[in-house]
Structures are given as C-alpha cells and as structure tokens.
Amino acid sequence: AKASKFILCPRGVSASSIRLFEAMRMGRAPVILSDD
C-alpha cells in the first residue's frame, strides 16, 4: 500500500471496507468501488 499512489478499495462482504480507512491513515488516495 505504501508503495502505491492509489489503493483500490472495493466492497467486501459489506458495502464498506476497512481498507478505505487504512488507505487514509497511510496517506494514500483511495479508489472506492462500491455502488451501495
């Protein structure tokens, strides 16, 4: 994640993903793929 400019954050079992908040914490731009 730290070696990346953008981090893909697709939905998992639910529409949200902890990955999104981890990307923000690490200082990386999240790309959200979750219509709901």
PDB file of all heavy atoms in Angstrom:
ATOM      1  N   ALA A   1       0.832  -1.206   0.000  1.00  0.00           N
ATOM      2  CA  ALA A   1       0.000   0.000   0.000  1.00  0.00           C
ATOM      3  C   ALA A   1       0.865   1.255   0.000  1.00  0.00           C
ATOM      4  O   ALA A   1       0.596   2.212  -0.747  1.00  0.00           O
ATOM      5  CB  ALA A   1      -0.928  -0.007   1.207  1.00  0.00           C
ATOM      6  N   LYS A   2       1.904   1.259   0.805  1.00  0.00           N
ATOM      7  CA  LYS A   2       2.772   2.441   0.889  1.00  0.00           C
ATOM      8  C   LYS A   2       3.591   2.656  -0.371  1.00  0.00           C
ATOM      9  O   LYS A   2       4.079   3.764  -0.618  1.00  0.00           O
ATOM     10  CB  LYS A   2       3.695   2.309   2.102  1.00  0.00           C
ATOM     11  CG  LYS A   2       2.967   2.386   3.430  1.00  0.00           C
ATOM     12  CD  LYS A   2       3.926   2.179   4.588  1.00  0.00           C
ATOM     13  CE  LYS A   2       3.198   2.187   5.919  1.00  0.00           C
ATOM     14  NZ  LYS A   2       4.123   1.989   7.063  1.00  0.00           N
ATOM     15  N   ALA A   3       3.745   1.599  -1.182  1.00  0.00           N
ATOM     16  CA  ALA A   3       4.482   1.719  -2.447  1.00  0.00           C
ATOM     17  C   ALA A   3       3.564   2.113  -3.594  1.00  0.00           C
ATOM     18  O   ALA A   3       3.990   2.142  -4.747  1.00  0.00           O
ATOM     19  CB  ALA A   3       5.173   0.392  -2.765  1.00  0.00           C
ATOM     20  N   SER A   4       2.307   2.441  -3.297  1.00  0.00           N
ATOM     21  CA  SER A   4       1.306   2.723  -4.320  1.00  0.00           C
ATOM     22  C   SER A   4       0.798   4.157  -4.215  1.00  0.00           C
ATOM     23  O   SER A   4       0.692   4.715  -3.121  1.00  0.00           O
ATOM     24  CB  SER A   4       0.115   1.759  -4.173  1.00  0.00           C
ATOM     25  OG  SER A   4       0.559   0.416  -4.124  1.00  0.00           O
ATOM     26  N   LYS A   5       0.451   4.723  -5.357  1.00  0.00           N
ATOM     27  CA  LYS A   5      -0.111   6.069  -5.381  1.00  0.00           C
ATOM     28  C   LYS A   5      -1.611   6.040  -5.113  1.00  0.00           C
ATOM     29  O   LYS A   5      -2.148   6.955  -4.480  1.00  0.00           O
ATOM     30  CB  LYS A   5       0.185   6.727  -6.728  1.00  0.00           C
ATOM     31  CG  LYS A   5       1.681   6.914  -6.982  1.00  0.00           C
ATOM     32  CD  LYS A   5       1.961   7.571  -8.323  1.00  0.00           C
ATOM     33  CE  LYS A   5       3.463   7.745  -8.521  1.00  0.00           C
ATOM     34  NZ  LYS A   5       3.782   8.392  -9.811  1.00  0.00           N
ATOM     35  N   PHE A   6      -2.270   5.019  -5.600  1.00  0.00           N
ATOM     36  CA  PHE A   6      -3.691   4.833  -5.366  1.00  0.00           C
ATOM     37  C   PHE A   6      -3.915   3.417  -4.820  1.00  0.00           C
ATOM     38  O   PHE A   6      -3.235   2.475  -5.243  1.00  0.00           O
ATOM     39  CB  PHE A   6      -4.503   4.991  -6.656  1.00  0.00           C
ATOM     40  CG  PHE A   6      -4.453   6.377  -7.250  1.00  0.00           C
ATOM     41  CD1 PHE A   6      -3.527   6.689  -8.236  1.00  0.00           C
ATOM     42  CD2 PHE A   6      -5.339   7.355  -6.826  1.00  0.00           C
ATOM     43  CE1 PHE A   6      -3.483   7.964  -8.796  1.00  0.00           C
ATOM     44  CE2 PHE A   6      -5.305   8.635  -7.385  1.00  0.00           C
ATOM     45  CZ  PHE A   6      -4.374   8.936  -8.369  1.00  0.00           C
ATOM     46  N   ILE A   7      -4.866   3.279  -3.908  1.00  0.00           N
ATOM     47  CA  ILE A   7      -5.199   1.971  -3.360  1.00  0.00           C
ATOM     48  C   ILE A   7      -6.641   1.647  -3.730  1.00  0.00           C
ATOM     49  O   ILE A   7      -7.557   2.424  -3.426  1.00  0.00           O
ATOM     50  CB  ILE A   7      -5.030   1.949  -1.829  1.00  0.00           C
ATOM     51  CG1 ILE A   7      -3.567   2.195  -1.456  1.00  0.00           C
ATOM     52  CG2 ILE A   7      -5.503   0.618  -1.253  1.00  0.00           C
ATOM     53  CD1 ILE A   7      -3.319   2.274   0.029  1.00  0.00           C
ATOM     54  N   LEU A   8      -6.844   0.521  -4.388  1.00  0.00           N
ATOM     55  CA  LEU A   8      -8.193   0.105  -4.758  1.00  0.00           C
ATOM     56  C   LEU A   8      -8.926  -0.384  -3.515  1.00  0.00           C
ATOM     57  O   LEU A   8      -8.427  -1.236  -2.780  1.00  0.00           O
ATOM     58  CB  LEU A   8      -8.153  -0.998  -5.815  1.00  0.00           C
ATOM     59  CG  LEU A   8      -7.380  -0.680  -7.110  1.00  0.00           C
ATOM     60  CD1 LEU A   8      -7.584  -1.801  -8.126  1.00  0.00           C
ATOM     61  CD2 LEU A   8      -7.810   0.653  -7.695  1.00  0.00           C
ATOM     62  N   CYS A   9     -10.126   0.160  -3.292  1.00  0.00           N
ATOM     63  CA  CYS A   9     -10.923  -0.173  -2.109  1.00  0.00           C
ATOM     64  C   CYS A   9     -12.294  -0.678  -2.547  1.00  0.00           C
ATOM     65  O   CYS A   9     -13.297   0.059  -2.472  1.00  0.00           O
ATOM     66  CB  CYS A   9     -11.065   1.047  -1.207  1.00  0.00           C
ATOM     67  SG  CYS A   9      -9.495   1.726  -0.623  1.00  0.00           S
ATOM     68  N   PRO A  10     -12.375  -1.924  -3.009  1.00  0.00           N
ATOM     69  CA  PRO A  10     -13.666  -2.481  -3.407  1.00  0.00           C
ATOM     70  C   PRO A  10     -14.478  -2.909  -2.193  1.00  0.00           C
ATOM     71  O   PRO A  10     -13.923  -3.142  -1.121  1.00  0.00           O
ATOM     72  CB  PRO A  10     -13.275  -3.696  -4.238  1.00  0.00           C
ATOM     73  CG  PRO A  10     -11.993  -4.149  -3.598  1.00  0.00           C
ATOM     74  CD  PRO A  10     -11.273  -2.885  -3.183  1.00  0.00           C
ATOM     75  N   ARG A  11     -15.778  -3.022  -2.372  1.00  0.00           N
ATOM     76  CA  ARG A  11     -16.601  -3.541  -1.303  1.00  0.00           C
ATOM     77  C   ARG A  11     -16.200  -4.981  -1.010  1.00  0.00           C
ATOM     78  O   ARG A  11     -15.651  -5.676  -1.872  1.00  0.00           O
ATOM     79  CB  ARG A  11     -18.080  -3.483  -1.659  1.00  0.00           C
ATOM     80  CG  ARG A  11     -18.525  -4.408  -2.787  1.00  0.00           C
ATOM     81  CD  ARG A  11     -20.031  -4.556  -2.803  1.00  0.00           C
ATOM     82  NE  ARG A  11     -20.501  -5.206  -1.581  1.00  0.00           N
ATOM     83  CZ  ARG A  11     -21.665  -4.938  -0.991  1.00  0.00           C
ATOM     84  NH1 ARG A  11     -22.483  -4.054  -1.516  1.00  0.00           N
ATOM     85  NH2 ARG A  11     -22.015  -5.580   0.121  1.00  0.00           N
ATOM     86  N   GLY A  12     -16.470  -5.413   0.196  1.00  0.00           N
ATOM     87  CA  GLY A  12     -16.236  -6.804   0.555  1.00  0.00           C
ATOM     88  C   GLY A  12     -17.571  -7.457   0.848  1.00  0.00           C
ATOM     89  O   GLY A  12     -18.505  -7.344   0.065  1.00  0.00           O
ATOM     90  N   VAL A  13     -17.676  -8.091   2.011  1.00  0.00           N
ATOM     91  CA  VAL A  13     -18.954  -8.677   2.414  1.00  0.00           C
ATOM     92  C   VAL A  13     -20.001  -7.575   2.562  1.00  0.00           C
ATOM     93  O   VAL A  13     -21.155  -7.734   2.188  1.00  0.00           O
ATOM     94  CB  VAL A  13     -18.796  -9.461   3.734  1.00  0.00           C
ATOM     95  CG1 VAL A  13     -20.138  -9.987   4.208  1.00  0.00           C
ATOM     96  CG2 VAL A  13     -17.822 -10.612   3.536  1.00  0.00           C
ATOM     97  N   SER A  14     -19.583  -6.435   3.095  1.00  0.00           N
ATOM     98  CA  SER A  14     -20.492  -5.287   3.200  1.00  0.00           C
ATOM     99  C   SER A  14     -20.034  -4.187   2.245  1.00  0.00           C
ATOM    100  O   SER A  14     -18.960  -4.274   1.642  1.00  0.00           O
ATOM    101  CB  SER A  14     -20.523  -4.752   4.635  1.00  0.00           C
ATOM    102  OG  SER A  14     -19.279  -4.201   4.998  1.00  0.00           O
ATOM    103  N   ALA A  15     -20.845  -3.150   2.135  1.00  0.00           N
ATOM    104  CA  ALA A  15     -20.542  -2.081   1.178  1.00  0.00           C
ATOM    105  C   ALA A  15     -19.302  -1.297   1.576  1.00  0.00           C
ATOM    106  O   ALA A  15     -18.611  -0.735   0.724  1.00  0.00           O
ATOM    107  CB  ALA A  15     -21.742  -1.142   1.065  1.00  0.00           C
ATOM    108  N   SER A  16     -19.021  -1.247   2.861  1.00  0.00           N
ATOM    109  CA  SER A  16     -17.842  -0.533   3.333  1.00  0.00           C
ATOM    110  C   SER A  16     -16.663  -1.489   3.452  1.00  0.00           C
ATOM    111  O   SER A  16     -16.826  -2.710   3.394  1.00  0.00           O
ATOM    112  CB  SER A  16     -18.125   0.116   4.683  1.00  0.00           C
ATOM    113  OG  SER A  16     -17.026   0.896   5.103  1.00  0.00           O
ATOM    114  N   SER A  17     -15.487  -0.919   3.611  1.00  0.00           N
ATOM    115  CA  SER A  17     -14.277  -1.740   3.762  1.00  0.00           C
ATOM    116  C   SER A  17     -13.301  -1.002   4.654  1.00  0.00           C
ATOM    117  O   SER A  17     -13.084   0.211   4.494  1.00  0.00           O
ATOM    118  CB  SER A  17     -13.633  -2.004   2.390  1.00  0.00           C
ATOM    119  OG  SER A  17     -12.352  -2.573   2.549  1.00  0.00           O
ATOM    120  N   ILE A  18     -12.702  -1.739   5.586  1.00  0.00           N
ATOM    121  CA  ILE A  18     -11.704  -1.125   6.463  1.00  0.00           C
ATOM    122  C   ILE A  18     -10.496  -0.650   5.661  1.00  0.00           C
ATOM    123  O   ILE A  18      -9.759   0.252   6.073  1.00  0.00           O
ATOM    124  CB  ILE A  18     -11.278  -2.111   7.566  1.00  0.00           C
ATOM    125  CG1 ILE A  18     -10.552  -1.353   8.679  1.00  0.00           C
ATOM    126  CG2 ILE A  18     -10.429  -3.244   7.002  1.00  0.00           C
ATOM    127  CD1 ILE A  18     -10.286  -2.173   9.908  1.00  0.00           C
ATOM    128  N   ARG A  19     -10.318  -1.220   4.468  1.00  0.00           N
ATOM    129  CA  ARG A  19      -9.206  -0.841   3.582  1.00  0.00           C
ATOM    130  C   ARG A  19      -9.244   0.657   3.258  1.00  0.00           C
ATOM    131  O   ARG A  19      -8.206   1.312   3.129  1.00  0.00           O
ATOM    132  CB  ARG A  19      -9.302  -1.668   2.299  1.00  0.00           C
ATOM    133  CG  ARG A  19      -8.181  -1.515   1.312  1.00  0.00           C
ATOM    134  CD  ARG A  19      -8.502  -2.326   0.065  1.00  0.00           C
ATOM    135  NE  ARG A  19      -8.866  -3.688   0.428  1.00  0.00           N
ATOM    136  CZ  ARG A  19      -8.005  -4.693   0.543  1.00  0.00           C
ATOM    137  NH1 ARG A  19      -6.730  -4.470   0.301  1.00  0.00           N
ATOM    138  NH2 ARG A  19      -8.414  -5.896   0.869  1.00  0.00           N
ATOM    139  N   LEU A  20     -10.447   1.206   3.113  1.00  0.00           N
ATOM    140  CA  LEU A  20     -10.596   2.624   2.818  1.00  0.00           C
ATOM    141  C   LEU A  20      -9.983   3.479   3.910  1.00  0.00           C
ATOM    142  O   LEU A  20      -9.250   4.444   3.647  1.00  0.00           O
ATOM    143  CB  LEU A  20     -12.088   2.948   2.652  1.00  0.00           C
ATOM    144  CG  LEU A  20     -12.498   4.415   2.645  1.00  0.00           C
ATOM    145  CD1 LEU A  20     -11.847   5.160   1.495  1.00  0.00           C
ATOM    146  CD2 LEU A  20     -14.022   4.530   2.574  1.00  0.00           C
ATOM    147  N   PHE A  21     -10.257   3.132   5.158  1.00  0.00           N
ATOM    148  CA  PHE A  21      -9.763   3.909   6.284  1.00  0.00           C
ATOM    149  C   PHE A  21      -8.267   3.682   6.503  1.00  0.00           C
ATOM    150  O   PHE A  21      -7.555   4.579   6.946  1.00  0.00           O
ATOM    151  CB  PHE A  21     -10.571   3.576   7.531  1.00  0.00           C
ATOM    152  CG  PHE A  21     -12.040   3.888   7.364  1.00  0.00           C
ATOM    153  CD1 PHE A  21     -12.911   2.930   6.863  1.00  0.00           C
ATOM    154  CD2 PHE A  21     -12.534   5.138   7.672  1.00  0.00           C
ATOM    155  CE1 PHE A  21     -14.256   3.218   6.682  1.00  0.00           C
ATOM    156  CE2 PHE A  21     -13.885   5.436   7.502  1.00  0.00           C
ATOM    157  CZ  PHE A  21     -14.740   4.474   6.989  1.00  0.00           C
ATOM    158  N   GLU A  22      -7.793   2.483   6.170  1.00  0.00           N
ATOM    159  CA  GLU A  22      -6.357   2.214   6.239  1.00  0.00           C
ATOM    160  C   GLU A  22      -5.610   3.032   5.203  1.00  0.00           C
ATOM    161  O   GLU A  22      -4.509   3.547   5.474  1.00  0.00           O
ATOM    162  CB  GLU A  22      -6.102   0.721   6.038  1.00  0.00           C
ATOM    163  CG  GLU A  22      -6.549  -0.143   7.213  1.00  0.00           C
ATOM    164  CD  GLU A  22      -6.435  -1.630   6.920  1.00  0.00           C
ATOM    165  OE1 GLU A  22      -6.505  -2.023   5.732  1.00  0.00           O
ATOM    166  OE2 GLU A  22      -6.284  -2.411   7.879  1.00  0.00           O
ATOM    167  N   ALA A  23      -6.176   3.163   4.004  1.00  0.00           N
ATOM    168  CA  ALA A  23      -5.543   3.974   2.955  1.00  0.00           C
ATOM    169  C   ALA A  23      -5.410   5.419   3.429  1.00  0.00           C
ATOM    170  O   ALA A  23      -4.355   6.050   3.275  1.00  0.00           O
ATOM    171  CB  ALA A  23      -6.366   3.896   1.670  1.00  0.00           C
ATOM    172  N   MET A  24      -6.475   5.944   4.021  1.00  0.00           N
ATOM    173  CA  MET A  24      -6.427   7.315   4.527  1.00  0.00           C
ATOM    174  C   MET A  24      -5.381   7.452   5.618  1.00  0.00           C
ATOM    175  O   MET A  24      -4.623   8.429   5.658  1.00  0.00           O
ATOM    176  CB  MET A  24      -7.798   7.704   5.065  1.00  0.00           C
ATOM    177  CG  MET A  24      -8.895   7.781   4.013  1.00  0.00           C
ATOM    178  SD  MET A  24     -10.543   8.054   4.735  1.00  0.00           S
ATOM    179  CE  MET A  24     -10.347   9.720   5.403  1.00  0.00           C
ATOM    180  N   ARG A  25      -5.341   6.485   6.511  1.00  0.00           N
ATOM    181  CA  ARG A  25      -4.373   6.523   7.613  1.00  0.00           C
ATOM    182  C   ARG A  25      -2.938   6.539   7.107  1.00  0.00           C
ATOM    183  O   ARG A  25      -2.075   7.237   7.636  1.00  0.00           O
ATOM    184  CB  ARG A  25      -4.602   5.323   8.528  1.00  0.00           C
ATOM    185  CG  ARG A  25      -3.711   5.284   9.756  1.00  0.00           C
ATOM    186  CD  ARG A  25      -4.087   4.100  10.634  1.00  0.00           C
ATOM    187  NE  ARG A  25      -3.308   4.090  11.856  1.00  0.00           N
ATOM    188  CZ  ARG A  25      -2.570   3.067  12.291  1.00  0.00           C
ATOM    189  NH1 ARG A  25      -2.538   1.948  11.579  1.00  0.00           N
ATOM    190  NH2 ARG A  25      -1.910   3.127  13.414  1.00  0.00           N
ATOM    191  N   MET A  26      -2.677   5.780   6.034  1.00  0.00           N
ATOM    192  CA  MET A  26      -1.329   5.703   5.481  1.00  0.00           C
ATOM    193  C   MET A  26      -0.987   6.879   4.580  1.00  0.00           C
ATOM    194  O   MET A  26       0.155   7.039   4.172  1.00  0.00           O
ATOM    195  CB  MET A  26      -1.158   4.384   4.723  1.00  0.00           C
ATOM    196  CG  MET A  26      -1.086   3.168   5.609  1.00  0.00           C
ATOM    197  SD  MET A  26      -0.766   1.627   4.700  1.00  0.00           S
ATOM    198  CE  MET A  26      -2.410   1.282   4.031  1.00  0.00           C
ATOM    199  N   GLY A  27      -1.997   7.690   4.233  1.00  0.00           N
ATOM    200  CA  GLY A  27      -1.735   8.827   3.368  1.00  0.00           C
ATOM    201  C   GLY A  27      -1.721   8.469   1.900  1.00  0.00           C
ATOM    202  O   GLY A  27      -0.920   9.013   1.132  1.00  0.00           O
ATOM    203  N   ARG A  28      -2.638   7.584   1.503  1.00  0.00           N
ATOM    204  CA  ARG A  28      -2.741   7.191   0.100  1.00  0.00           C
ATOM    205  C   ARG A  28      -4.165   7.453  -0.386  1.00  0.00           C
ATOM    206  O   ARG A  28      -5.128   7.328   0.371  1.00  0.00           O
ATOM    207  CB  ARG A  28      -2.393   5.708  -0.083  1.00  0.00           C
ATOM    208  CG  ARG A  28      -0.958   5.365   0.310  1.00  0.00           C
ATOM    209  CD  ARG A  28       0.062   6.101  -0.559  1.00  0.00           C
ATOM    210  NE  ARG A  28       1.439   5.741  -0.222  1.00  0.00           N
ATOM    211  CZ  ARG A  28       2.199   6.387   0.654  1.00  0.00           C
ATOM    212  NH1 ARG A  28       1.692   7.421   1.316  1.00  0.00           N
ATOM    213  NH2 ARG A  28       3.435   6.011   0.890  1.00  0.00           N
ATOM    214  N   ALA A  29      -4.288   7.779  -1.657  1.00  0.00           N
ATOM    215  CA  ALA A  29      -5.592   8.116  -2.222  1.00  0.00           C
ATOM    216  C   ALA A  29      -6.399   6.849  -2.477  1.00  0.00           C
ATOM    217  O   ALA A  29      -5.959   5.969  -3.221  1.00  0.00           O
ATOM    218  CB  ALA A  29      -5.406   8.889  -3.526  1.00  0.00           C
ATOM    219  N   PRO A  30      -7.582   6.720  -1.888  1.00  0.00           N
ATOM    220  CA  PRO A  30      -8.403   5.523  -2.092  1.00  0.00           C
ATOM    221  C   PRO A  30      -9.251   5.637  -3.359  1.00  0.00           C
ATOM    222  O   PRO A  30      -9.720   6.714  -3.722  1.00  0.00           O
ATOM    223  CB  PRO A  30      -9.290   5.496  -0.849  1.00  0.00           C
ATOM    224  CG  PRO A  30      -9.421   6.935  -0.450  1.00  0.00           C
ATOM    225  CD  PRO A  30      -8.140   7.612  -0.851  1.00  0.00           C
ATOM    226  N   VAL A  31      -9.447   4.481  -4.010  1.00  0.00           N
ATOM    227  CA  VAL A  31     -10.343   4.379  -5.161  1.00  0.00           C
ATOM    228  C   VAL A  31     -11.473   3.455  -4.727  1.00  0.00           C
ATOM    229  O   VAL A  31     -11.269   2.256  -4.538  1.00  0.00           O
ATOM    230  CB  VAL A  31      -9.618   3.819  -6.398  1.00  0.00           C
ATOM    231  CG1 VAL A  31     -10.569   3.745  -7.587  1.00  0.00           C
ATOM    232  CG2 VAL A  31      -8.404   4.683  -6.744  1.00  0.00           C
ATOM    233  N   ILE A  32     -12.658   4.013  -4.564  1.00  0.00           N
ATOM    234  CA  ILE A  32     -13.785   3.291  -3.975  1.00  0.00           C
ATOM    235  C   ILE A  32     -14.615   2.639  -5.069  1.00  0.00           C
ATOM    236  O   ILE A  32     -15.094   3.318  -5.981  1.00  0.00           O
ATOM    237  CB  ILE A  32     -14.657   4.249  -3.146  1.00  0.00           C
ATOM    238  CG1 ILE A  32     -13.808   4.912  -2.049  1.00  0.00           C
ATOM    239  CG2 ILE A  32     -15.850   3.513  -2.532  1.00  0.00           C
ATOM    240  CD1 ILE A  32     -14.456   6.131  -1.419  1.00  0.00           C
ATOM    241  N   LEU A  33     -14.792   1.324  -4.978  1.00  0.00           N
ATOM    242  CA  LEU A  33     -15.648   0.582  -5.899  1.00  0.00           C
ATOM    243  C   LEU A  33     -16.730  -0.109  -5.086  1.00  0.00           C
ATOM    244  O   LEU A  33     -16.581  -1.246  -4.648  1.00  0.00           O
ATOM    245  CB  LEU A  33     -14.843  -0.453  -6.685  1.00  0.00           C
ATOM    246  CG  LEU A  33     -13.795   0.124  -7.642  1.00  0.00           C
ATOM    247  CD1 LEU A  33     -12.410  -0.033  -7.042  1.00  0.00           C
ATOM    248  CD2 LEU A  33     -13.861  -0.558  -8.987  1.00  0.00           C
ATOM    249  N   SER A  34     -17.805   0.603  -4.839  1.00  0.00           N
ATOM    250  CA  SER A  34     -18.894   0.072  -4.026  1.00  0.00           C
ATOM    251  C   SER A  34     -20.119   0.930  -4.280  1.00  0.00           C
ATOM    252  O   SER A  34     -20.264   2.012  -3.697  1.00  0.00           O
ATOM    253  CB  SER A  34     -18.514   0.084  -2.542  1.00  0.00           C
ATOM    254  OG  SER A  34     -19.558  -0.422  -1.756  1.00  0.00           O
ATOM    255  N   ASP A  35     -21.007   0.465  -5.134  1.00  0.00           N
ATOM    256  CA  ASP A  35     -22.162   1.267  -5.535  1.00  0.00           C
ATOM    257  C   ASP A  35     -23.113   1.551  -4.384  1.00  0.00           C
ATOM    258  O   ASP A  35     -23.823   2.558  -4.401  1.00  0.00           O
ATOM    259  CB  ASP A  35     -22.920   0.562  -6.665  1.00  0.00           C
ATOM    260  CG  ASP A  35     -22.098   0.448  -7.941  1.00  0.00           C
ATOM    261  OD1 ASP A  35     -21.040   1.115  -8.022  1.00  0.00           O
ATOM    262  OD2 ASP A  35     -22.503  -0.307  -8.840  1.00  0.00           O
ATOM    263  N   ASP A  36     -23.163   0.676  -3.382  1.00  0.00           N
ATOM    264  CA  ASP A  36     -24.109   0.846  -2.271  1.00  0.00           C
ATOM    265  C   ASP A  36     -23.495   1.519  -1.049  1.00  0.00           C
ATOM    266  O   ASP A  36     -24.165   1.675  -0.025  1.00  0.00           O
ATOM    267  CB  ASP A  36     -24.679  -0.521  -1.864  1.00  0.00           C
ATOM    268  CG  ASP A  36     -25.581  -1.100  -2.925  1.00  0.00           C
ATOM    269  OD1 ASP A  36     -26.327  -0.336  -3.550  1.00  0.00           O
ATOM    270  OD2 ASP A  36     -25.538  -2.325  -3.142  1.00  0.00           O
TER     271      ASP A  36
END
